[in-house]
Amino acid sequence: MKSLARLQITRVRLSDPADVRDLLALLAEYAAGPTGRGRPLDETARRTLPDRLAEHPHYLGWLARDEGRAIGLVNAFQGVS
């Protein structure tokens, strides 16, 4: 069993190139899988998504890393229905 002591969860900082890289990598993996669209993110999405998220006033994101390797992502948007 892996130790949770190595697990680090931090807020996504869209001004940090490493966070943006990990965010896009994890989203591309999800998009290409069976619960996504079955294909990777297109180049337009990869290029514009970080800025669009930064402009969204109710976006929050968290990255989970194990010894520096991104292993999980939570994207949240506040909304009222």
Protein backbone atom coordinates (compact mmCIF):
# COMPACT_ATOMS: atom_id res chain seq x y z
CA MET A 1 0.00 0.00 0.00
CA LYS A 2 1.30 3.45 -0.91
CA SER A 3 1.93 6.02 1.76
CA LEU A 4 -0.33 9.06 1.64
CA ALA A 5 2.55 11.13 3.02
CA ARG A 6 3.84 11.56 -0.54
CA LEU A 7 0.50 12.83 -1.82
CA GLN A 8 0.29 16.59 -2.27
CA ILE A 9 -2.90 18.45 -3.20
CA THR A 10 -2.61 22.07 -4.27
CA ARG A 11 -4.82 24.68 -5.91
CA VAL A 12 -4.32 25.04 -9.65
CA ARG A 13 -2.34 28.20 -10.33
CA LEU A 14 -3.09 29.16 -13.90
CA SER A 15 -0.10 31.53 -13.82
CA ASP A 16 2.26 28.59 -13.17
CA PRO A 17 3.44 26.82 -16.36
CA ALA A 18 3.89 23.51 -14.49
CA ASP A 19 0.31 23.61 -13.19
CA VAL A 20 -1.01 24.46 -16.65
CA ARG A 21 1.04 21.63 -18.18
CA ASP A 22 -0.32 19.13 -15.65
CA LEU A 23 -3.90 20.43 -15.97
CA LEU A 24 -3.82 20.03 -19.74
CA ALA A 25 -2.14 16.62 -19.59
CA LEU A 26 -4.75 15.24 -17.19
CA LEU A 27 -7.64 16.76 -19.15
CA ALA A 28 -6.22 15.32 -22.39
CA GLU A 29 -5.98 11.88 -20.76
CA TYR A 30 -9.60 12.13 -19.58
CA ALA A 31 -10.83 13.40 -22.95
CA ALA A 32 -9.13 10.53 -24.80
CA GLY A 33 -10.60 7.87 -22.52
CA PRO A 34 -13.94 6.07 -22.52
CA THR A 35 -15.64 8.61 -20.23
CA GLY A 36 -14.44 11.51 -22.38
CA ARG A 37 -14.83 12.03 -26.11
CA GLY A 38 -12.52 9.18 -27.04
CA ARG A 39 -9.94 11.54 -28.54
CA PRO A 40 -7.40 13.99 -27.12
CA LEU A 41 -8.04 17.69 -26.62
CA ASP A 42 -7.66 19.58 -29.87
CA GLU A 43 -4.97 22.22 -30.21
CA THR A 44 -7.43 25.12 -29.94
CA ALA A 45 -8.70 23.84 -26.59
CA ARG A 46 -5.16 23.30 -25.30
CA ARG A 47 -4.17 26.82 -26.35
CA THR A 48 -7.23 28.72 -25.08
CA LEU A 49 -8.48 26.77 -22.05
CA PRO A 50 -6.03 28.10 -19.43
CA ASP A 51 -6.88 31.73 -20.25
CA ARG A 52 -10.59 30.99 -20.38
CA LEU A 53 -10.45 29.31 -16.96
CA ALA A 54 -8.46 32.26 -15.56
CA GLU A 55 -11.18 34.64 -16.78
CA HIS A 56 -13.97 32.58 -15.21
CA PRO A 57 -14.76 34.20 -11.83
CA HIS A 58 -16.12 31.01 -10.27
CA TYR A 59 -13.46 28.47 -11.31
CA LEU A 60 -11.44 26.55 -8.75
CA GLY A 61 -9.12 23.66 -9.50
CA TRP A 62 -6.90 21.32 -7.51
CA LEU A 63 -4.07 19.04 -8.60
CA ALA A 64 -3.01 15.90 -6.79
CA ARG A 65 0.63 14.92 -7.15
CA ASP A 66 2.55 11.89 -5.99
CA GLU A 67 6.25 12.73 -5.65
CA GLY A 68 5.76 15.59 -8.11
CA ARG A 69 3.89 13.53 -10.73
CA ALA A 70 0.36 14.75 -11.46
CA ILE A 71 -2.11 11.94 -10.75
CA GLY A 72 -5.46 13.68 -10.24
CA LEU A 73 -7.44 16.79 -10.99
CA VAL A 74 -10.61 18.40 -9.67
CA ASN A 75 -12.22 21.24 -11.62
CA ALA A 76 -15.09 23.06 -9.91
CA PHE A 77 -17.40 25.85 -11.00
CA GLN A 78 -19.81 27.61 -8.67
CA GLY A 79 -23.32 27.65 -9.99
CA VAL A 80 -26.89 27.93 -8.82
CA SER A 81 -29.75 26.05 -10.38
